[in-house]
């Protein structure tokens, strides 16, 4: 059945999914902060310059388990579950990238962090770019894995989901399906889709408020309103991309490379949407090297031109001799 037909068929049964705030069943022991109207799970470890890790859509801070060890030797590493995902609250409200960016800034304020490098995956890259646009003085540099940041990337169903009733029907049906086939599309090698990974995703989808939050986050993806401003981002940017990514094709990385003033692109073969998993060693090495590099010094302004010398005074003409 076509997605639109499914949505129409389910429309009479659609009802608004409920949000959720507060502890959830099975919640692990972890650090939580009440910021920007949400109880946010986070990890804060290490010493040195701060690095913030931002996961993608329908994911969590566990995305970065293979990356954190490569960074902790040199950095203070902060990761979090964005609003609506992982073990963070799912309250009613704004789930747009801008709202998520404000939440991250609020967490950094609570942790006493004034400036940080941002590392983001997929939809999390839209949050990182918003942070760089909102408060550029607080963002040192950005590393973006397989970024989901352009209106052209949104599937038709995401546009339909903006309509009341249709979105509720679509997302209710989508989350009722098993996750293994959907997850396998994000990998080059389907053998990397372990049963544990599928079970973790299934359990996450069962947490209260998840469908409502995911729908709100989908409706908040209006990249046409901001993507023209990406050219304003002056910080160094590293783009890390899986060559065989079917979720965010390499053409998206090439477009970002053209539009961001100070960007470079690293591409990993035999790799899909998760370079941190399918190209863990190479991508973590490139990331750590990028974050260690000191920012390039700004060129000194050209000296002002020296003033032109004043013309030498002309000698006064000799007086005419008087007649006798």
Protein backbone atom coordinates (compact mmCIF):
# COMPACT_ATOMS: atom_id res chain seq x y z
CA UNK A 1 0.00 0.00 0.00
CA UNK A 2 1.24 3.48 -0.85
CA UNK A 3 2.08 5.72 2.15
CA UNK A 4 -0.63 8.24 1.22
CA UNK A 5 -3.23 5.49 0.94
CA UNK A 6 -2.20 4.12 4.32
CA UNK A 7 -2.51 7.59 5.85
CA UNK A 8 -5.99 8.08 4.41
CA UNK A 9 -7.09 4.63 5.56
CA UNK A 10 -5.89 5.26 9.10
CA UNK A 11 -7.07 8.86 9.32
CA UNK A 12 -10.40 8.04 11.01
CA UNK A 13 -8.49 6.17 13.72
CA UNK A 14 -5.81 8.81 14.24
CA UNK A 15 -5.63 10.54 17.59
CA UNK A 16 -3.06 12.90 19.02
CA UNK A 17 -0.25 10.89 20.65
CA UNK A 18 0.57 11.86 24.22
CA UNK A 19 3.74 13.62 25.34
CA UNK A 20 5.56 12.70 28.55
CA UNK A 21 7.67 14.42 31.20
CA UNK A 22 9.48 12.91 34.16
CA UNK A 23 11.15 9.56 34.85
CA UNK A 24 10.32 6.63 32.57
CA UNK A 25 10.06 2.90 33.26
CA UNK A 26 13.45 1.20 33.17
CA UNK A 27 15.34 4.48 33.31
CA UNK A 28 19.09 3.94 33.88
CA UNK A 29 21.13 5.66 36.55
CA UNK A 30 22.55 8.72 34.85
CA UNK A 31 23.08 12.46 35.15
CA UNK A 32 20.06 14.67 34.48
CA UNK A 33 19.65 18.44 34.27
CA UNK A 34 16.43 20.42 34.24
CA UNK A 35 16.98 22.97 31.48
CA UNK A 36 14.78 24.74 28.92
CA UNK A 37 11.66 23.07 30.27
CA UNK A 38 12.94 19.50 30.01
CA UNK A 39 14.73 16.94 32.14
CA UNK A 40 17.78 16.14 30.02
CA UNK A 41 20.04 13.10 30.31
CA UNK A 42 23.70 13.89 29.70
CA UNK A 43 27.28 12.66 30.20
CA UNK A 44 30.14 15.02 31.05
CA UNK A 45 33.63 13.52 31.26
CA UNK A 46 37.27 14.40 30.69
CA UNK A 47 39.32 17.57 30.78
CA UNK A 48 40.48 20.07 28.21
CA UNK A 49 38.64 22.04 25.57
CA UNK A 50 34.93 21.16 25.45
CA UNK A 51 33.41 18.98 22.72
CA UNK A 52 29.64 18.48 22.51
CA UNK A 53 28.21 15.37 20.78
CA UNK A 54 24.76 15.66 19.17
CA UNK A 55 22.98 12.50 17.98
CA UNK A 56 20.57 12.15 15.08
CA UNK A 57 16.81 11.67 14.75
CA UNK A 58 15.28 8.85 16.82
CA UNK A 59 18.66 8.16 18.40
CA UNK A 60 20.48 8.89 21.67
CA UNK A 61 23.86 9.65 23.18
CA UNK A 62 24.78 5.95 22.82
CA UNK A 63 25.44 6.80 19.15
CA UNK A 64 28.85 8.03 20.27
CA UNK A 65 30.08 5.00 22.25
CA UNK A 66 32.85 4.30 19.70
CA UNK A 67 33.82 7.98 19.43
CA UNK A 68 34.11 9.11 23.04
CA UNK A 69 37.29 7.13 23.86
CA UNK A 70 39.12 8.77 20.95
CA UNK A 71 38.33 12.23 22.34
CA UNK A 72 38.65 11.86 26.11
CA UNK A 73 42.45 11.97 26.07
CA UNK A 74 42.40 15.62 24.98
CA UNK A 75 38.93 16.99 25.65
CA UNK A 76 36.08 17.46 28.02
CA UNK A 77 33.34 15.51 26.23
CA UNK A 78 29.66 16.30 26.79
CA UNK A 79 26.94 14.22 25.16
CA UNK A 80 23.20 14.37 25.71
CA UNK A 81 19.86 12.98 24.65
CA UNK A 82 18.13 15.77 22.75
CA UNK A 83 14.57 16.65 23.73
CA UNK A 84 12.19 13.86 22.79
CA UNK A 85 14.84 11.14 22.40
CA UNK A 86 16.81 8.70 24.51
CA UNK A 87 15.90 9.20 28.17
CA UNK A 88 15.23 12.93 27.96
CA UNK A 89 11.71 14.28 28.51
CA UNK A 90 9.11 14.43 25.76
CA UNK A 91 7.11 17.52 26.80
CA UNK A 92 4.68 19.42 24.56
CA UNK A 93 6.27 22.29 22.67
CA UNK A 94 8.76 23.24 19.98
CA UNK A 95 11.08 20.49 18.70
CA UNK A 96 12.65 22.43 15.84
CA UNK A 97 16.45 22.49 15.39
CA UNK A 98 16.45 26.04 16.79
CA UNK A 99 14.59 24.95 19.93
CA UNK A 100 16.98 22.01 20.36
CA UNK A 101 19.92 24.42 19.92
CA UNK A 102 18.58 26.60 22.73
CA UNK A 103 18.26 23.50 24.92
CA UNK A 104 21.91 22.58 24.27
CA UNK A 105 23.04 26.11 25.12
CA UNK A 106 21.01 25.93 28.34
CA UNK A 107 22.74 22.67 29.29
CA UNK A 108 26.16 24.19 28.53
CA UNK A 109 25.27 27.18 30.72
CA UNK A 110 24.33 24.81 33.54
CA UNK A 111 27.66 22.99 33.14
CA UNK A 112 29.66 26.23 33.00
CA UNK A 113 30.79 25.82 29.38
CA UNK A 114 31.18 29.08 27.47
CA UNK A 115 32.58 27.75 24.17
CA UNK A 116 32.77 24.32 22.57
CA UNK A 117 33.38 22.36 19.40
CA UNK A 118 30.28 20.59 18.08
CA UNK A 119 30.19 17.06 16.67
CA UNK A 120 26.84 16.03 15.20
CA UNK A 121 25.25 13.21 13.23
CA UNK A 122 22.44 13.37 10.65
CA UNK A 123 19.54 15.50 11.96
CA UNK A 124 21.76 16.56 14.86
CA UNK A 125 23.81 18.49 12.30
CA UNK A 126 20.84 20.83 11.80
CA UNK A 127 20.99 21.58 15.54
CA UNK A 128 24.74 22.21 15.35
CA UNK A 129 24.37 24.59 12.40
CA UNK A 130 21.63 26.47 14.23
CA UNK A 131 23.94 26.86 17.22
CA UNK A 132 26.65 28.31 14.98
CA UNK A 133 24.15 30.78 13.50
CA UNK A 134 22.54 31.75 16.81
CA UNK A 135 25.69 32.29 18.90
CA UNK A 136 28.78 31.98 16.70
CA UNK A 137 31.05 33.24 19.47
CA UNK A 138 30.26 30.07 21.48
CA UNK A 139 31.05 27.59 18.69
CA UNK A 140 34.72 26.89 18.00
CA UNK A 141 34.33 24.44 15.08
CA UNK A 142 31.96 21.78 13.77
CA UNK A 143 32.27 18.16 12.65
CA UNK A 144 29.19 16.84 10.84
CA UNK A 145 28.57 13.17 10.05
CA UNK A 146 26.21 12.54 7.09
CA UNK A 147 24.26 15.73 7.73
CA UNK A 148 20.48 16.01 7.34
CA UNK A 149 20.09 19.77 6.89
CA UNK A 150 18.36 20.63 3.58
CA UNK A 151 14.71 20.84 2.53
CA UNK A 152 15.49 18.63 -0.48
CA UNK A 153 16.29 15.76 1.90
CA UNK A 154 12.82 15.63 3.43
CA UNK A 155 10.72 12.75 2.08
CA UNK A 156 7.20 13.45 0.91
CA UNK A 157 5.77 11.81 4.02
CA UNK A 158 7.50 14.43 6.18
CA UNK A 159 5.65 17.16 4.29
CA UNK A 160 2.37 15.28 4.68
CA UNK A 161 3.08 14.86 8.38
CA UNK A 162 2.72 18.62 8.85
CA UNK A 163 -1.04 18.25 8.33
CA UNK A 164 -3.09 17.57 11.43
CA UNK A 165 -4.39 14.01 11.58
CA UNK A 166 -2.29 12.80 8.66
CA UNK A 167 0.94 13.03 10.64
CA UNK A 168 -0.57 11.19 13.59
CA UNK A 169 -1.75 8.37 11.31
CA UNK A 170 1.55 8.09 9.46
CA UNK A 171 3.70 8.03 12.56
CA UNK A 172 1.44 5.68 14.44
CA UNK A 173 1.73 3.17 11.57
CA UNK A 174 5.45 3.77 11.06
CA UNK A 175 6.37 3.07 14.67
CA UNK A 176 4.15 0.00 14.76
CA UNK A 177 6.41 -1.71 12.18
CA UNK A 178 9.49 -3.70 13.11
CA UNK A 179 12.69 -1.71 13.03
CA UNK A 180 15.21 -4.12 11.48
CA UNK A 181 14.37 -3.37 7.83
CA UNK A 182 14.33 0.38 8.46
CA UNK A 183 17.65 0.25 10.30
CA UNK A 184 19.34 -1.89 7.64
CA UNK A 185 18.79 0.86 5.05
CA UNK A 186 21.24 3.02 7.00
CA UNK A 187 24.11 0.51 6.74
CA UNK A 188 26.32 -0.62 3.88
CA UNK A 189 26.78 -4.05 5.45
CA UNK A 190 23.54 -5.38 6.92
CA UNK A 191 25.56 -7.71 9.14
CA UNK A 192 26.24 -4.63 11.27
CA UNK A 193 22.54 -4.54 12.20
CA UNK A 194 22.77 -6.69 15.30
CA UNK A 195 19.80 -8.10 17.17
CA UNK A 196 20.87 -6.02 20.16
CA UNK A 197 20.69 -2.85 18.07
CA UNK A 198 17.20 -3.71 16.84
CA UNK A 199 16.03 -4.54 20.37
CA UNK A 200 17.47 -1.27 21.72
CA UNK A 201 15.58 0.70 19.06
CA UNK A 202 12.36 -1.22 19.70
CA UNK A 203 12.58 -0.53 23.44
CA UNK A 204 13.27 3.15 22.81
CA UNK A 205 10.17 3.43 20.61
CA UNK A 206 8.04 1.98 23.41
CA UNK A 207 8.93 4.77 25.87
CA UNK A 208 6.03 7.08 26.67
CA UNK A 209 5.79 10.20 24.54
CA UNK A 210 8.12 8.96 21.79
CA UNK A 211 5.65 9.07 18.89
CA UNK A 212 4.40 12.54 19.85
CA UNK A 213 7.95 13.88 20.18
CA UNK A 214 9.13 12.34 16.90
CA UNK A 215 6.15 13.83 15.07
CA UNK A 216 6.81 17.25 16.61
CA UNK A 217 10.49 17.02 15.62
CA UNK A 218 9.49 16.08 12.07
CA UNK A 219 7.12 19.02 11.82
CA UNK A 220 9.91 21.27 13.08
CA UNK A 221 12.19 20.40 10.15
CA UNK A 222 11.63 23.45 7.93
CA UNK A 223 15.08 23.82 6.48
CA UNK A 224 13.98 26.11 3.64
CA UNK A 225 13.72 28.88 6.23
CA UNK A 226 17.39 28.69 7.22
CA UNK A 227 19.52 26.79 4.69
CA UNK A 228 20.45 29.93 2.72
CA UNK A 229 22.24 31.17 5.85
CA UNK A 230 24.68 28.26 6.07
CA UNK A 231 27.08 30.37 3.99
CA UNK A 232 27.38 32.72 6.98
CA UNK A 233 29.09 30.07 9.12
CA UNK A 234 32.77 30.98 9.31
CA UNK A 235 34.06 28.30 11.69
CA UNK A 236 36.12 25.37 10.37
CA UNK A 237 33.86 22.44 9.45
CA UNK A 238 34.79 18.78 8.89
CA UNK A 239 32.26 16.75 6.90
CA UNK A 240 32.51 12.97 7.46
CA UNK A 241 30.50 10.87 5.00
CA UNK A 242 29.74 7.27 4.12
CA UNK A 243 30.18 6.82 0.37
CA UNK A 244 27.26 4.38 0.17
CA UNK A 245 24.91 6.36 2.42
CA UNK A 246 21.33 5.89 1.16
CA UNK A 247 19.82 8.18 3.81
CA UNK A 248 21.91 11.28 3.11
CA UNK A 249 23.72 10.68 -0.20
CA UNK A 250 27.22 12.00 -0.78
CA UNK A 251 25.78 14.76 -3.01
CA UNK A 252 24.52 16.44 0.17
CA UNK A 253 28.04 16.48 1.56
CA UNK A 254 29.35 17.94 -1.68
CA UNK A 255 26.72 20.67 -1.56
CA UNK A 256 27.72 21.56 2.00
CA UNK A 257 31.36 21.59 0.94
CA UNK A 258 30.53 24.20 -1.69
CA UNK A 259 28.37 26.35 0.57
CA UNK A 260 30.30 26.38 3.85
CA UNK A 261 33.18 28.88 3.60
CA UNK A 262 35.74 26.80 5.55
CA UNK A 263 34.85 23.12 5.07
CA UNK A 264 36.63 19.92 4.10
CA UNK A 265 35.10 16.55 3.27
CA UNK A 266 36.26 13.04 4.24
CA UNK A 267 34.55 10.11 2.49
CA UNK A 268 34.67 6.50 3.75
CA UNK A 269 34.19 3.59 1.38
CA UNK A 270 31.97 0.58 2.10
CA UNK A 271 30.13 2.74 4.60
CA UNK A 272 26.54 3.91 4.98
CA UNK A 273 24.90 6.47 7.26
CA UNK A 274 26.98 5.65 10.35
CA UNK A 275 30.72 6.19 9.73
CA UNK A 276 31.28 6.09 13.49
CA UNK A 277 30.24 2.42 13.32
CA UNK A 278 31.18 1.16 9.85
CA UNK A 279 34.38 3.21 9.55
CA UNK A 280 35.02 3.66 13.25
CA UNK A 281 38.83 3.69 13.23
CA UNK A 282 39.32 6.00 10.25
CA UNK A 283 36.55 8.45 11.07
CA UNK A 284 37.50 8.71 14.76
CA UNK A 285 41.12 9.34 13.77
CA UNK A 286 40.09 12.11 11.37
CA UNK A 287 37.77 13.63 13.96
CA UNK A 288 40.37 13.64 16.73
CA UNK A 289 42.94 15.20 14.41
CA UNK A 290 40.49 17.90 13.32
CA UNK A 291 39.59 18.76 16.92
CA UNK A 292 43.25 18.92 17.97
CA UNK A 293 44.24 21.35 15.22
CA UNK A 294 44.43 24.91 16.54
CA UNK A 295 42.20 27.36 14.72
CA UNK A 296 43.99 28.97 11.81
CA UNK A 297 45.18 32.45 12.78
CA UNK A 298 43.26 35.25 11.20
CA UNK A 299 45.41 37.19 8.74
CA UNK A 300 46.68 40.48 10.09
CA UNK A 301 45.00 43.47 8.53
CA UNK A 302 47.00 45.20 5.84
CA UNK A 303 48.86 48.25 7.16
CA UNK A 304 47.27 51.56 6.39
CA UNK A 305 48.99 53.37 3.53
CA UNK A 306 51.55 55.92 4.67
CA UNK A 307 50.44 59.50 4.16
CA UNK A 308 51.90 61.19 1.13
CA UNK A 309 54.78 63.51 2.06
CA UNK A 310 53.91 67.18 2.13
CA UNK A 311 55.35 69.14 -0.78
CA UNK A 312 58.61 70.92 0.01
CA UNK A 313 58.16 74.66 0.49
CA UNK A 314 59.20 76.72 -2.52
CA UNK A 315 61.86 79.44 -1.88
CA UNK A 316 60.55 82.99 -1.97
CA UNK A 317 61.57 84.90 -5.12
CA UNK A 318 64.53 87.27 -4.70
CA UNK A 319 63.49 90.98 -4.46
CA UNK A 320 63.97 93.15 -7.55
CA UNK A 321 66.89 95.64 -7.22
CA UNK A 322 65.74 99.23 -6.62
CA UNK A 323 66.38 101.77 -9.33
CA UNK A 324 68.90 104.54 -8.43
